[in-house]
Amino acid sequence: MNGLRKYIITRVAVTVPMLFVLLSVIFLVLRVMPGDAAEAMLGGRNVPPEALAALRSRLGLDRPLHVQFTAYLAGVVRGDLGLSSRTGNEVLIDILTRMPATLELAVFSIAVAIPVGVLSGVFGATRAGRAGDHVVRLFHVASFAVFIPWIGMMLQMLFSVTLGWLPVGGRLSVINLYTFTPVTGFYTLDALLRRDFAVLGDALRHLVLPACTLGIVLSGLIGRVSRASMLEVLGSDFVRTARAKGLPETRVVFAHALRNALLPTVTVIGLEFALLMAGAILTETTFAWPGVASYLLESIRARDFNAIQGTVIVVAVLVTSVNLVVDVLYAWIDPRVKY
């Protein structure tokens, strides 16, 4: 236990300066980007110089860079990410309002990616060098390399336009969107809490295509790691011993080999959270999904610098925190790491 505690303290100590570097990079990049935040907030270039100077003074943009940076860090620590020039709301409030949609999509995407990736990896490893293995490896490479909107549009064309089974986009149908009042912002959870199974079914139908689109992309890397790990474990002594005892092959693969092969996969799943957030931008745009990623894209189009900066900060902190949790879980699962 002392080894695990020491490992956690070390990882937290490394995470804090890493977050500081991330915040510094975000601050500097947005300061060197073309455009003027005050000008964008006032709606264009033909702005009276007096109004522009007054707004720049109120926002602190006329101060030296190091003073702006100190105020920026103090605001981040307080949770003050500024006001959105596009919506007029506090950026943090806008992000928290949109976050449940993105997290709900992320959870269902991972729920698709893990079984598809792990099972395809096991299938390929148990048929190494044969036709089935080649098909699986091709699927892993293709799923990871294909452009996300293309997958989404193909699924929309098949299941929405041609077959008419699933909606093209959005989180709920129009009638439910205006009559259903969410509590947590997670529509599936809210529908369960209210025992409104009609809304639950509607929310799940809207989740199928975007979750499958993002899940298929994420499953590629999970499958490749699972296959490589399974190949290594299947060649180990304890697997040969289990087979020599006459145990069924299914039990050898799933009860003995897979359990030990999952350790690298756990790490990859955690690291894929960053990829998931990046993929969410393309997925949410394709399916008109009102999440944080689409909020970021809308802010970029409107040159809403506070919203861009705040969204990137929140996502960076979220990804870093998830990676920290995954590292700790990995150390807890595998004693070799903490020692």
C-alpha atoms as a PDB file:
ATOM      1  CA  MET A   1       0.000   0.000   0.000  1.00  0.00           C
ATOM      2  CA  ASN A   2       2.916   2.325   0.769  1.00  0.00           C
ATOM      3  CA  GLY A   3       4.253   1.718  -2.750  1.00  0.00           C
ATOM      4  CA  LEU A   4       0.899   2.642  -4.293  1.00  0.00           C
ATOM      5  CA  ARG A   5       0.622   5.784  -2.133  1.00  0.00           C
ATOM      6  CA  LYS A   6       4.109   6.881  -3.146  1.00  0.00           C
ATOM      7  CA  TYR A   7       3.279   6.250  -6.815  1.00  0.00           C
ATOM      8  CA  ILE A   8       0.096   8.363  -6.569  1.00  0.00           C
ATOM      9  CA  ILE A   9       1.970  11.248  -4.916  1.00  0.00           C
ATOM     10  CA  THR A  10       4.636  11.104  -7.632  1.00  0.00           C
ATOM     11  CA  ARG A  11       2.088  11.133 -10.441  1.00  0.00           C
ATOM     12  CA  VAL A  12       0.194  14.081  -8.896  1.00  0.00           C
ATOM     13  CA  ALA A  13       3.479  15.955  -8.472  1.00  0.00           C
ATOM     14  CA  VAL A  14       4.222  15.433 -12.174  1.00  0.00           C
ATOM     15  CA  THR A  15       0.676  16.373 -13.255  1.00  0.00           C
ATOM     16  CA  VAL A  16       0.677  19.822 -11.622  1.00  0.00           C
ATOM     17  CA  PRO A  17       3.643  21.270 -13.601  1.00  0.00           C
ATOM     18  CA  MET A  18       2.305  19.566 -16.742  1.00  0.00           C
ATOM     19  CA  LEU A  19      -0.990  21.436 -16.301  1.00  0.00           C
ATOM     20  CA  PHE A  20       0.943  24.669 -15.797  1.00  0.00           C
ATOM     21  CA  VAL A  21       2.771  24.108 -19.096  1.00  0.00           C
ATOM     22  CA  LEU A  22      -0.523  23.346 -20.856  1.00  0.00           C
ATOM     23  CA  LEU A  23      -2.130  26.535 -19.525  1.00  0.00           C
ATOM     24  CA  SER A  24       0.935  28.551 -20.564  1.00  0.00           C
ATOM     25  CA  VAL A  25       0.851  27.144 -24.110  1.00  0.00           C
ATOM     26  CA  ILE A  26      -2.883  27.850 -24.440  1.00  0.00           C
ATOM     27  CA  PHE A  27      -2.357  31.451 -23.265  1.00  0.00           C
ATOM     28  CA  LEU A  28       0.542  32.113 -25.648  1.00  0.00           C
ATOM     29  CA  VAL A  29      -1.042  30.463 -28.685  1.00  0.00           C
ATOM     30  CA  LEU A  30      -4.231  32.515 -28.372  1.00  0.00           C
ATOM     31  CA  ARG A  31      -2.195  35.706 -27.943  1.00  0.00           C
ATOM     32  CA  VAL A  32      -0.259  35.154 -31.182  1.00  0.00           C
ATOM     33  CA  MET A  33      -3.332  34.117 -33.201  1.00  0.00           C
ATOM     34  CA  PRO A  34      -4.444  36.671 -35.818  1.00  0.00           C
ATOM     35  CA  GLY A  35      -7.387  38.819 -34.794  1.00  0.00           C
ATOM     36  CA  ASP A  36      -8.358  41.018 -31.878  1.00  0.00           C
ATOM     37  CA  ALA A  37     -10.549  39.664 -29.077  1.00  0.00           C
ATOM     38  CA  ALA A  38     -11.978  43.101 -28.239  1.00  0.00           C
ATOM     39  CA  GLU A  39     -12.708  43.801 -31.900  1.00  0.00           C
ATOM     40  CA  ALA A  40     -14.459  40.447 -32.252  1.00  0.00           C
ATOM     41  CA  MET A  41     -16.593  41.143 -29.170  1.00  0.00           C
ATOM     42  CA  LEU A  42     -17.695  44.483 -30.643  1.00  0.00           C
ATOM     43  CA  GLY A  43     -18.758  42.767 -33.841  1.00  0.00           C
ATOM     44  CA  GLY A  44     -16.273  43.677 -36.530  1.00  0.00           C
ATOM     45  CA  ARG A  45     -13.511  45.901 -37.810  1.00  0.00           C
ATOM     46  CA  ASN A  46     -15.447  49.143 -38.256  1.00  0.00           C
ATOM     47  CA  VAL A  47     -15.419  49.910 -34.546  1.00  0.00           C
ATOM     48  CA  PRO A  48     -14.791  53.390 -33.096  1.00  0.00           C
ATOM     49  CA  PRO A  49     -11.252  53.503 -31.676  1.00  0.00           C
ATOM     50  CA  GLU A  50     -12.552  54.936 -28.383  1.00  0.00           C
ATOM     51  CA  ALA A  51     -14.924  51.999 -27.854  1.00  0.00           C
ATOM     52  CA  LEU A  52     -12.197  49.531 -28.802  1.00  0.00           C
ATOM     53  CA  ALA A  53      -9.689  51.117 -26.398  1.00  0.00           C
ATOM     54  CA  ALA A  54     -12.255  51.167 -23.578  1.00  0.00           C
ATOM     55  CA  LEU A  55     -13.092  47.495 -24.023  1.00  0.00           C
ATOM     56  CA  ARG A  56      -9.428  46.499 -24.249  1.00  0.00           C
ATOM     57  CA  SER A  57      -8.806  48.374 -20.995  1.00  0.00           C
ATOM     58  CA  ARG A  58     -11.782  46.650 -19.307  1.00  0.00           C
ATOM     59  CA  LEU A  59     -10.595  43.237 -20.462  1.00  0.00           C
ATOM     60  CA  GLY A  60      -7.012  43.965 -19.414  1.00  0.00           C
ATOM     61  CA  LEU A  61      -5.682  43.459 -22.953  1.00  0.00           C
ATOM     62  CA  ASP A  62      -3.698  46.716 -22.777  1.00  0.00           C
ATOM     63  CA  ARG A  63      -1.617  45.450 -19.856  1.00  0.00           C
ATOM     64  CA  PRO A  64       1.856  43.878 -20.163  1.00  0.00           C
ATOM     65  CA  LEU A  65       1.828  40.205 -21.145  1.00  0.00           C
ATOM     66  CA  HIS A  66       3.114  38.940 -17.793  1.00  0.00           C
ATOM     67  CA  VAL A  67       0.360  40.835 -15.951  1.00  0.00           C
ATOM     68  CA  GLN A  68      -2.251  39.324 -18.287  1.00  0.00           C
ATOM     69  CA  PHE A  69      -0.769  35.866 -17.692  1.00  0.00           C
ATOM     70  CA  THR A  70      -0.934  36.248 -13.891  1.00  0.00           C
ATOM     71  CA  ALA A  71      -4.546  37.420 -14.074  1.00  0.00           C
ATOM     72  CA  TYR A  72      -5.327  34.560 -16.460  1.00  0.00           C
ATOM     73  CA  LEU A  73      -3.906  31.920 -14.075  1.00  0.00           C
ATOM     74  CA  ALA A  74      -5.745  33.481 -11.116  1.00  0.00           C
ATOM     75  CA  GLY A  75      -9.001  33.349 -13.097  1.00  0.00           C
ATOM     76  CA  VAL A  76      -8.478  29.699 -14.034  1.00  0.00           C
ATOM     77  CA  VAL A  77      -7.865  28.781 -10.381  1.00  0.00           C
ATOM     78  CA  ARG A  78     -11.089  30.590  -9.383  1.00  0.00           C
ATOM     79  CA  GLY A  79     -13.018  28.992 -12.243  1.00  0.00           C
ATOM     80  CA  ASP A  80     -13.474  32.358 -13.943  1.00  0.00           C
ATOM     81  CA  LEU A  81     -13.001  31.774 -17.675  1.00  0.00           C
ATOM     82  CA  GLY A  82     -14.509  35.092 -18.737  1.00  0.00           C
ATOM     83  CA  LEU A  83     -17.606  35.969 -20.768  1.00  0.00           C
ATOM     84  CA  SER A  84     -18.485  34.608 -24.180  1.00  0.00           C
ATOM     85  CA  SER A  85     -18.801  37.357 -26.778  1.00  0.00           C
ATOM     86  CA  ARG A  86     -21.128  35.112 -28.780  1.00  0.00           C
ATOM     87  CA  THR A  87     -23.640  34.039 -26.115  1.00  0.00           C
ATOM     88  CA  GLY A  88     -23.081  36.719 -23.472  1.00  0.00           C
ATOM     89  CA  ASN A  89     -22.892  34.022 -20.769  1.00  0.00           C
ATOM     90  CA  GLU A  90     -20.021  32.989 -18.532  1.00  0.00           C
ATOM     91  CA  VAL A  91     -17.864  30.581 -20.509  1.00  0.00           C
ATOM     92  CA  LEU A  92     -17.763  28.051 -17.658  1.00  0.00           C
ATOM     93  CA  ILE A  93     -21.583  28.008 -17.490  1.00  0.00           C
ATOM     94  CA  ASP A  94     -21.796  27.448 -21.254  1.00  0.00           C
ATOM     95  CA  ILE A  95     -19.276  24.592 -21.058  1.00  0.00           C
ATOM     96  CA  LEU A  96     -20.972  22.919 -18.079  1.00  0.00           C
ATOM     97  CA  THR A  97     -24.307  23.150 -19.910  1.00  0.00           C
ATOM     98  CA  ARG A  98     -22.831  21.397 -22.950  1.00  0.00           C
ATOM     99  CA  MET A  99     -20.581  18.937 -21.091  1.00  0.00           C
ATOM    100  CA  PRO A 100     -23.259  16.281 -20.301  1.00  0.00           C
ATOM    101  CA  ALA A 101     -23.966  15.821 -24.020  1.00  0.00           C
ATOM    102  CA  THR A 102     -20.275  15.210 -24.783  1.00  0.00           C
ATOM    103  CA  LEU A 103     -19.747  12.909 -21.790  1.00  0.00           C
ATOM    104  CA  GLU A 104     -22.872  10.909 -22.646  1.00  0.00           C
ATOM    105  CA  LEU A 105     -21.606  10.448 -26.195  1.00  0.00           C
ATOM    106  CA  ALA A 106     -18.158   9.530 -24.826  1.00  0.00           C
ATOM    107  CA  VAL A 107     -19.543   6.864 -22.480  1.00  0.00           C
ATOM    108  CA  PHE A 108     -21.610   5.192 -25.195  1.00  0.00           C
ATOM    109  CA  SER A 109     -18.724   5.432 -27.698  1.00  0.00           C
ATOM    110  CA  ILE A 110     -16.377   3.705 -25.264  1.00  0.00           C
ATOM    111  CA  ALA A 111     -19.110   1.123 -24.601  1.00  0.00           C
ATOM    112  CA  VAL A 112     -19.011   0.340 -28.329  1.00  0.00           C
ATOM    113  CA  ALA A 113     -15.225   0.566 -28.727  1.00  0.00           C
ATOM    114  CA  ILE A 114     -14.164  -1.721 -25.852  1.00  0.00           C
ATOM    115  CA  PRO A 115     -16.081  -4.905 -26.791  1.00  0.00           C
ATOM    116  CA  VAL A 116     -15.457  -4.424 -30.529  1.00  0.00           C
ATOM    117  CA  GLY A 117     -11.753  -3.742 -30.007  1.00  0.00           C
ATOM    118  CA  VAL A 118     -11.075  -6.424 -27.396  1.00  0.00           C
ATOM    119  CA  LEU A 119     -13.095  -9.185 -29.064  1.00  0.00           C
ATOM    120  CA  SER A 120     -11.634  -8.459 -32.510  1.00  0.00           C
ATOM    121  CA  GLY A 121      -8.141  -8.482 -30.966  1.00  0.00           C
ATOM    122  CA  VAL A 122      -8.811 -11.843 -29.294  1.00  0.00           C
ATOM    123  CA  PHE A 123     -10.265 -13.218 -32.523  1.00  0.00           C
ATOM    124  CA  GLY A 124      -7.177 -12.156 -34.492  1.00  0.00           C
ATOM    125  CA  ALA A 125      -4.701 -13.440 -31.886  1.00  0.00           C
ATOM    126  CA  THR A 126      -6.299 -16.886 -31.700  1.00  0.00           C
ATOM    127  CA  ARG A 127      -6.126 -17.136 -35.508  1.00  0.00           C
ATOM    128  CA  ALA A 128      -2.684 -15.584 -35.991  1.00  0.00           C
ATOM    129  CA  GLY A 129      -1.443 -15.781 -39.559  1.00  0.00           C
ATOM    130  CA  ARG A 130      -4.735 -17.066 -40.955  1.00  0.00           C
ATOM    131  CA  ALA A 131      -7.367 -15.330 -43.080  1.00  0.00           C
ATOM    132  CA  GLY A 132      -9.431 -14.239 -40.058  1.00  0.00           C
ATOM    133  CA  ASP A 133      -6.403 -12.544 -38.534  1.00  0.00           C
ATOM    134  CA  HIS A 134      -5.665 -10.644 -41.749  1.00  0.00           C
ATOM    135  CA  VAL A 135      -9.269  -9.412 -41.943  1.00  0.00           C
ATOM    136  CA  VAL A 136      -9.153  -8.229 -38.314  1.00  0.00           C
ATOM    137  CA  ARG A 137      -5.838  -6.421 -38.798  1.00  0.00           C
ATOM    138  CA  LEU A 138      -7.201  -4.705 -41.908  1.00  0.00           C
ATOM    139  CA  PHE A 139     -10.265  -3.613 -39.915  1.00  0.00           C
ATOM    140  CA  HIS A 140      -8.077  -2.199 -37.118  1.00  0.00           C
ATOM    141  CA  VAL A 141      -5.957  -0.156 -39.523  1.00  0.00           C
ATOM    142  CA  ALA A 142      -8.944   1.030 -41.581  1.00  0.00           C
ATOM    143  CA  SER A 143     -11.080   2.003 -38.574  1.00  0.00           C
ATOM    144  CA  PHE A 144      -8.261   4.081 -37.133  1.00  0.00           C
ATOM    145  CA  ALA A 145      -7.335   5.731 -40.444  1.00  0.00           C
ATOM    146  CA  VAL A 146     -10.718   6.474 -42.051  1.00  0.00           C
ATOM    147  CA  PHE A 147     -12.034  10.044 -41.735  1.00  0.00           C
ATOM    148  CA  ILE A 148     -14.676  10.195 -38.982  1.00  0.00           C
ATOM    149  CA  PRO A 149     -17.269  12.303 -40.897  1.00  0.00           C
ATOM    150  CA  TRP A 150     -17.084   9.817 -43.790  1.00  0.00           C
ATOM    151  CA  ILE A 151     -18.014   6.931 -41.465  1.00  0.00           C
ATOM    152  CA  GLY A 152     -20.784   9.050 -39.953  1.00  0.00           C
ATOM    153  CA  MET A 153     -22.234  10.028 -43.322  1.00  0.00           C
ATOM    154  CA  MET A 154     -22.136   6.444 -44.581  1.00  0.00           C
ATOM    155  CA  LEU A 155     -24.052   5.307 -41.490  1.00  0.00           C
ATOM    156  CA  GLN A 156     -26.513   8.170 -41.943  1.00  0.00           C
ATOM    157  CA  MET A 157     -27.056   7.260 -45.585  1.00  0.00           C
ATOM    158  CA  LEU A 158     -27.668   3.594 -44.760  1.00  0.00           C
ATOM    159  CA  PHE A 159     -29.631   3.649 -41.504  1.00  0.00           C
ATOM    160  CA  SER A 160     -31.334   7.054 -41.713  1.00  0.00           C
ATOM    161  CA  VAL A 161     -31.898   7.898 -45.378  1.00  0.00           C
ATOM    162  CA  THR A 162     -32.148   4.449 -47.000  1.00  0.00           C
ATOM    163  CA  LEU A 163     -33.655   2.282 -44.239  1.00  0.00           C
ATOM    164  CA  GLY A 164     -35.213   5.042 -42.104  1.00  0.00           C
ATOM    165  CA  TRP A 165     -34.438   3.184 -38.887  1.00  0.00           C
ATOM    166  CA  LEU A 166     -32.541   5.875 -37.000  1.00  0.00           C
ATOM    167  CA  PRO A 167     -32.553   9.698 -36.841  1.00  0.00           C
ATOM    168  CA  VAL A 168     -29.940  11.662 -38.769  1.00  0.00           C
ATOM    169  CA  GLY A 169     -28.767  13.794 -35.847  1.00  0.00           C
ATOM    170  CA  GLY A 170     -29.544  15.702 -32.656  1.00  0.00           C
ATOM    171  CA  ARG A 171     -30.125  14.337 -29.154  1.00  0.00           C
ATOM    172  CA  LEU A 172     -33.938  14.075 -29.169  1.00  0.00           C
ATOM    173  CA  SER A 173     -36.794  14.381 -31.619  1.00  0.00           C
ATOM    174  CA  VAL A 174     -38.363  17.836 -31.854  1.00  0.00           C
ATOM    175  CA  ILE A 175     -41.469  17.012 -29.805  1.00  0.00           C
ATOM    176  CA  ASN A 176     -39.452  15.531 -26.911  1.00  0.00           C
ATOM    177  CA  LEU A 177     -36.817  18.273 -27.085  1.00  0.00           C
ATOM    178  CA  TYR A 178     -39.388  20.922 -26.190  1.00  0.00           C
ATOM    179  CA  THR A 179     -41.495  18.904 -23.741  1.00  0.00           C
ATOM    180  CA  PHE A 180     -38.828  17.003 -21.791  1.00  0.00           C
ATOM    181  CA  THR A 181     -37.092  18.885 -18.959  1.00  0.00           C
ATOM    182  CA  PRO A 182     -33.663  17.370 -18.141  1.00  0.00           C
ATOM    183  CA  VAL A 183     -32.257  17.345 -14.612  1.00  0.00           C
ATOM    184  CA  THR A 184     -28.618  16.337 -14.991  1.00  0.00           C
ATOM    185  CA  GLY A 185     -28.237  16.999 -18.723  1.00  0.00           C
ATOM    186  CA  PHE A 186     -27.617  13.293 -19.381  1.00  0.00           C
ATOM    187  CA  TYR A 187     -30.806  12.527 -21.297  1.00  0.00           C
ATOM    188  CA  THR A 188     -30.678   8.754 -20.877  1.00  0.00           C
ATOM    189  CA  LEU A 189     -30.136   9.074 -17.109  1.00  0.00           C
ATOM    190  CA  ASP A 190     -32.787  11.772 -16.768  1.00  0.00           C
ATOM    191  CA  ALA A 191     -35.298   9.644 -18.669  1.00  0.00           C
ATOM    192  CA  LEU A 192     -34.581   6.701 -16.356  1.00  0.00           C
ATOM    193  CA  LEU A 193     -34.938   8.875 -13.254  1.00  0.00           C
ATOM    194  CA  ARG A 194     -38.303  10.124 -14.518  1.00  0.00           C
ATOM    195  CA  ARG A 195     -39.275   6.634 -15.754  1.00  0.00           C
ATOM    196  CA  ASP A 196     -40.066   8.167 -19.112  1.00  0.00           C
ATOM    197  CA  PHE A 197     -39.246   5.196 -21.318  1.00  0.00           C
ATOM    198  CA  ALA A 198     -40.483   6.898 -24.486  1.00  0.00           C
ATOM    199  CA  VAL A 199     -37.851   9.617 -24.078  1.00  0.00           C
ATOM    200  CA  LEU A 200     -35.268   6.986 -23.077  1.00  0.00           C
ATOM    201  CA  GLY A 201     -35.888   5.076 -26.293  1.00  0.00           C
ATOM    202  CA  ASP A 202     -35.746   8.296 -28.302  1.00  0.00           C
ATOM    203  CA  ALA A 203     -32.433   9.336 -26.679  1.00  0.00           C
ATOM    204  CA  LEU A 204     -30.909   5.893 -27.286  1.00  0.00           C
ATOM    205  CA  ARG A 205     -31.994   5.918 -30.943  1.00  0.00           C
ATOM    206  CA  HIS A 206     -30.268   9.300 -31.389  1.00  0.00           C
ATOM    207  CA  LEU A 207     -27.131   7.959 -29.682  1.00  0.00           C
ATOM    208  CA  VAL A 208     -26.690   4.855 -31.847  1.00  0.00           C
ATOM    209  CA  LEU A 209     -25.132   6.401 -34.960  1.00  0.00           C
ATOM    210  CA  PRO A 210     -22.768   8.958 -33.347  1.00  0.00           C
ATOM    211  CA  ALA A 211     -21.669   6.434 -30.683  1.00  0.00           C
ATOM    212  CA  CYS A 212     -21.024   3.755 -33.308  1.00  0.00           C
ATOM    213  CA  THR A 213     -19.139   6.232 -35.523  1.00  0.00           C
ATOM    214  CA  LEU A 214     -16.778   7.308 -32.754  1.00  0.00           C
ATOM    215  CA  GLY A 215     -16.677   3.823 -31.225  1.00  0.00           C
ATOM    216  CA  ILE A 216     -15.552   2.209 -34.475  1.00  0.00           C
ATOM    217  CA  VAL A 217     -12.653   4.668 -34.762  1.00  0.00           C
ATOM    218  CA  LEU A 218     -11.593   4.116 -31.136  1.00  0.00           C
ATOM    219  CA  SER A 219     -11.851   0.335 -31.449  1.00  0.00           C
ATOM    220  CA  GLY A 220      -8.980   0.216 -33.965  1.00  0.00           C
ATOM    221  CA  LEU A 221      -6.218   1.066 -31.499  1.00  0.00           C
ATOM    222  CA  ILE A 222      -7.801  -0.983 -28.703  1.00  0.00           C
ATOM    223  CA  GLY A 223      -7.982  -3.984 -31.046  1.00  0.00           C
ATOM    224  CA  ARG A 224      -4.353  -3.685 -32.156  1.00  0.00           C
ATOM    225  CA  VAL A 225      -3.097  -3.489 -28.565  1.00  0.00           C
ATOM    226  CA  SER A 226      -5.397  -6.339 -27.455  1.00  0.00           C
ATOM    227  CA  ARG A 227      -4.200  -8.565 -30.303  1.00  0.00           C
ATOM    228  CA  ALA A 228      -0.505  -7.918 -29.592  1.00  0.00           C
ATOM    229  CA  SER A 229      -0.986  -8.480 -25.854  1.00  0.00           C
ATOM    230  CA  MET A 230      -2.994 -11.660 -26.417  1.00  0.00           C
ATOM    231  CA  LEU A 231      -0.337 -13.079 -28.758  1.00  0.00           C
ATOM    232  CA  GLU A 232       2.281 -12.568 -26.050  1.00  0.00           C
ATOM    233  CA  VAL A 233       0.138 -14.111 -23.303  1.00  0.00           C
ATOM    234  CA  LEU A 234      -0.958 -17.089 -25.442  1.00  0.00           C
ATOM    235  CA  GLY A 235       2.677 -18.062 -25.816  1.00  0.00           C
ATOM    236  CA  SER A 236       3.377 -18.003 -22.054  1.00  0.00           C
ATOM    237  CA  ASP A 237       3.975 -21.047 -19.848  1.00  0.00           C
ATOM    238  CA  PHE A 238       0.800 -20.839 -17.775  1.00  0.00           C
ATOM    239  CA  VAL A 239      -1.353 -20.942 -20.924  1.00  0.00           C
ATOM    240  CA  ARG A 240       0.482 -24.016 -22.174  1.00  0.00           C
ATOM    241  CA  THR A 241      -0.032 -25.594 -18.740  1.00  0.00           C
ATOM    242  CA  ALA A 242      -3.763 -24.844 -18.827  1.00  0.00           C
ATOM    243  CA  ARG A 243      -4.030 -26.452 -22.257  1.00  0.00           C
ATOM    244  CA  ALA A 244      -2.008 -29.473 -21.099  1.00  0.00           C
ATOM    245  CA  LYS A 245      -4.522 -29.989 -18.293  1.00  0.00           C
ATOM    246  CA  GLY A 246      -7.221 -30.439 -20.932  1.00  0.00           C
ATOM    247  CA  LEU A 247      -9.157 -27.227 -20.215  1.00  0.00           C
ATOM    248  CA  PRO A 248     -11.535 -26.106 -23.001  1.00  0.00           C
ATOM    249  CA  GLU A 249      -9.944 -23.622 -25.391  1.00  0.00           C
ATOM    250  CA  THR A 250     -12.663 -21.037 -24.670  1.00  0.00           C
ATOM    251  CA  ARG A 251     -11.840 -21.142 -20.964  1.00  0.00           C
ATOM    252  CA  VAL A 252      -8.101 -20.940 -21.641  1.00  0.00           C
ATOM    253  CA  VAL A 253      -8.546 -17.885 -23.851  1.00  0.00           C
ATOM    254  CA  PHE A 254     -11.109 -15.908 -21.855  1.00  0.00           C
ATOM    255  CA  ALA A 255     -10.554 -17.003 -18.256  1.00  0.00           C
ATOM    256  CA  HIS A 256      -6.750 -17.249 -18.276  1.00  0.00           C
ATOM    257  CA  ALA A 257      -5.163 -15.423 -21.225  1.00  0.00           C
ATOM    258  CA  LEU A 258      -7.532 -12.470 -21.672  1.00  0.00           C
ATOM    259  CA  ARG A 259      -7.471 -11.553 -17.989  1.00  0.00           C
ATOM    260  CA  ASN A 260      -3.696 -11.071 -18.119  1.00  0.00           C
ATOM    261  CA  ALA A 261      -3.710  -9.463 -21.558  1.00  0.00           C
ATOM    262  CA  LEU A 262      -6.087  -6.665 -20.513  1.00  0.00           C
ATOM    263  CA  LEU A 263      -3.488  -4.679 -18.543  1.00  0.00           C
ATOM    264  CA  PRO A 264      -2.009  -2.807 -21.557  1.00  0.00           C
ATOM    265  CA  THR A 265      -5.524  -2.348 -22.936  1.00  0.00           C
ATOM    266  CA  VAL A 266      -6.628  -0.504 -19.776  1.00  0.00           C
ATOM    267  CA  THR A 267      -3.873   2.052 -20.314  1.00  0.00           C
ATOM    268  CA  VAL A 268      -4.774   2.497 -23.982  1.00  0.00           C
ATOM    269  CA  ILE A 269      -8.450   3.040 -23.132  1.00  0.00           C
ATOM    270  CA  GLY A 270      -7.465   5.834 -20.755  1.00  0.00           C
ATOM    271  CA  LEU A 271      -5.111   7.439 -23.253  1.00  0.00           C
ATOM    272  CA  GLU A 272      -7.800   7.238 -25.928  1.00  0.00           C
ATOM    273  CA  PHE A 273      -9.902   9.705 -23.938  1.00  0.00           C
ATOM    274  CA  ALA A 274      -7.809  12.475 -25.518  1.00  0.00           C
ATOM    275  CA  LEU A 275      -8.458  11.001 -28.969  1.00  0.00           C
ATOM    276  CA  LEU A 276     -12.129  10.705 -28.055  1.00  0.00           C
ATOM    277  CA  MET A 277     -12.363  14.432 -27.267  1.00  0.00           C
ATOM    278  CA  ALA A 278     -10.661  15.263 -30.571  1.00  0.00           C
ATOM    279  CA  GLY A 279     -12.920  12.865 -32.474  1.00  0.00           C
ATOM    280  CA  ALA A 280     -15.963  14.331 -30.747  1.00  0.00           C
ATOM    281  CA  ILE A 281     -15.437  17.603 -32.652  1.00  0.00           C
ATOM    282  CA  LEU A 282     -15.917  15.832 -35.990  1.00  0.00           C
ATOM    283  CA  THR A 283     -18.651  13.515 -34.691  1.00  0.00           C
ATOM    284  CA  GLU A 284     -20.703  16.261 -33.046  1.00  0.00           C
ATOM    285  CA  THR A 285     -20.464  18.372 -36.188  1.00  0.00           C
ATOM    286  CA  THR A 286     -21.596  15.497 -38.411  1.00  0.00           C
ATOM    287  CA  PHE A 287     -24.576  14.610 -36.206  1.00  0.00           C
ATOM    288  CA  ALA A 288     -25.523  18.121 -34.981  1.00  0.00           C
ATOM    289  CA  TRP A 289     -24.724  16.974 -31.451  1.00  0.00           C
ATOM    290  CA  PRO A 290     -24.865  19.965 -29.041  1.00  0.00           C
ATOM    291  CA  GLY A 291     -21.795  19.160 -26.952  1.00  0.00           C
ATOM    292  CA  VAL A 292     -18.583  20.888 -25.876  1.00  0.00           C
ATOM    293  CA  ALA A 293     -16.808  20.050 -29.132  1.00  0.00           C
ATOM    294  CA  SER A 294     -19.473  21.729 -31.263  1.00  0.00           C
ATOM    295  CA  TYR A 295     -19.410  24.687 -28.835  1.00  0.00           C
ATOM    296  CA  LEU A 296     -15.665  25.017 -29.473  1.00  0.00           C
ATOM    297  CA  LEU A 297     -16.160  24.902 -33.238  1.00  0.00           C
ATOM    298  CA  GLU A 298     -18.919  27.539 -33.068  1.00  0.00           C
ATOM    299  CA  SER A 299     -16.643  29.724 -30.931  1.00  0.00           C
ATOM    300  CA  ILE A 300     -13.783  29.417 -33.422  1.00  0.00           C
ATOM    301  CA  ARG A 301     -16.060  30.484 -36.270  1.00  0.00           C
ATOM    302  CA  ALA A 302     -17.258  33.491 -34.235  1.00  0.00           C
ATOM    303  CA  ARG A 303     -13.694  34.314 -33.057  1.00  0.00           C
ATOM    304  CA  ASP A 304     -14.924  34.112 -29.466  1.00  0.00           C
ATOM    305  CA  PHE A 305     -11.499  34.043 -27.815  1.00  0.00           C
ATOM    306  CA  ASN A 306     -12.690  33.616 -24.222  1.00  0.00           C
ATOM    307  CA  ALA A 307     -14.842  30.639 -25.187  1.00  0.00           C
ATOM    308  CA  ILE A 308     -12.029  29.052 -27.218  1.00  0.00           C
ATOM    309  CA  GLN A 309      -9.540  29.520 -24.400  1.00  0.00           C
ATOM    310  CA  GLY A 310     -11.953  28.290 -21.719  1.00  0.00           C
ATOM    311  CA  THR A 311     -13.013  25.201 -23.674  1.00  0.00           C
ATOM    312  CA  VAL A 312      -9.440  24.167 -24.416  1.00  0.00           C
ATOM    313  CA  ILE A 313      -8.526  24.637 -20.739  1.00  0.00           C
ATOM    314  CA  VAL A 314     -11.436  22.519 -19.498  1.00  0.00           C
ATOM    315  CA  VAL A 315     -10.744  19.740 -22.025  1.00  0.00           C
ATOM    316  CA  ALA A 316      -7.005  19.788 -21.225  1.00  0.00           C
ATOM    317  CA  VAL A 317      -7.665  19.518 -17.474  1.00  0.00           C
ATOM    318  CA  LEU A 318     -10.229  16.765 -18.071  1.00  0.00           C
ATOM    319  CA  VAL A 319      -7.892  14.713 -20.275  1.00  0.00           C
ATOM    320  CA  THR A 320      -4.992  15.140 -17.839  1.00  0.00           C
ATOM    321  CA  SER A 321      -7.172  14.098 -14.909  1.00  0.00           C
ATOM    322  CA  VAL A 322      -8.420  10.995 -16.745  1.00  0.00           C
ATOM    323  CA  ASN A 323      -4.845   9.997 -17.600  1.00  0.00           C
ATOM    324  CA  LEU A 324      -3.886  10.404 -13.935  1.00  0.00           C
ATOM    325  CA  VAL A 325      -6.770   8.176 -12.825  1.00  0.00           C
ATOM    326  CA  VAL A 326      -5.841   5.544 -15.432  1.00  0.00           C
ATOM    327  CA  ASP A 327      -2.206   5.548 -14.288  1.00  0.00           C
ATOM    328  CA  VAL A 328      -3.302   5.009 -10.686  1.00  0.00           C
ATOM    329  CA  LEU A 329      -5.705   2.217 -11.681  1.00  0.00           C
ATOM    330  CA  TYR A 330      -2.960   0.564 -13.708  1.00  0.00           C
ATOM    331  CA  ALA A 331      -0.617   0.665 -10.702  1.00  0.00           C
ATOM    332  CA  TRP A 332      -3.372  -0.789  -8.524  1.00  0.00           C
ATOM    333  CA  ILE A 333      -4.053  -3.610 -11.014  1.00  0.00           C
ATOM    334  CA  ASP A 334      -0.383  -4.404 -11.730  1.00  0.00           C
ATOM    335  CA  PRO A 335       1.835  -4.372  -8.596  1.00  0.00           C
ATOM    336  CA  ARG A 336       4.972  -4.246 -10.765  1.00  0.00           C
ATOM    337  CA  VAL A 337       4.213  -0.615 -11.683  1.00  0.00           C
ATOM    338  CA  LYS A 338       3.933   0.756  -8.137  1.00  0.00           C
ATOM    339  CA  TYR A 339       7.130  -0.975  -7.058  1.00  0.00           C
END
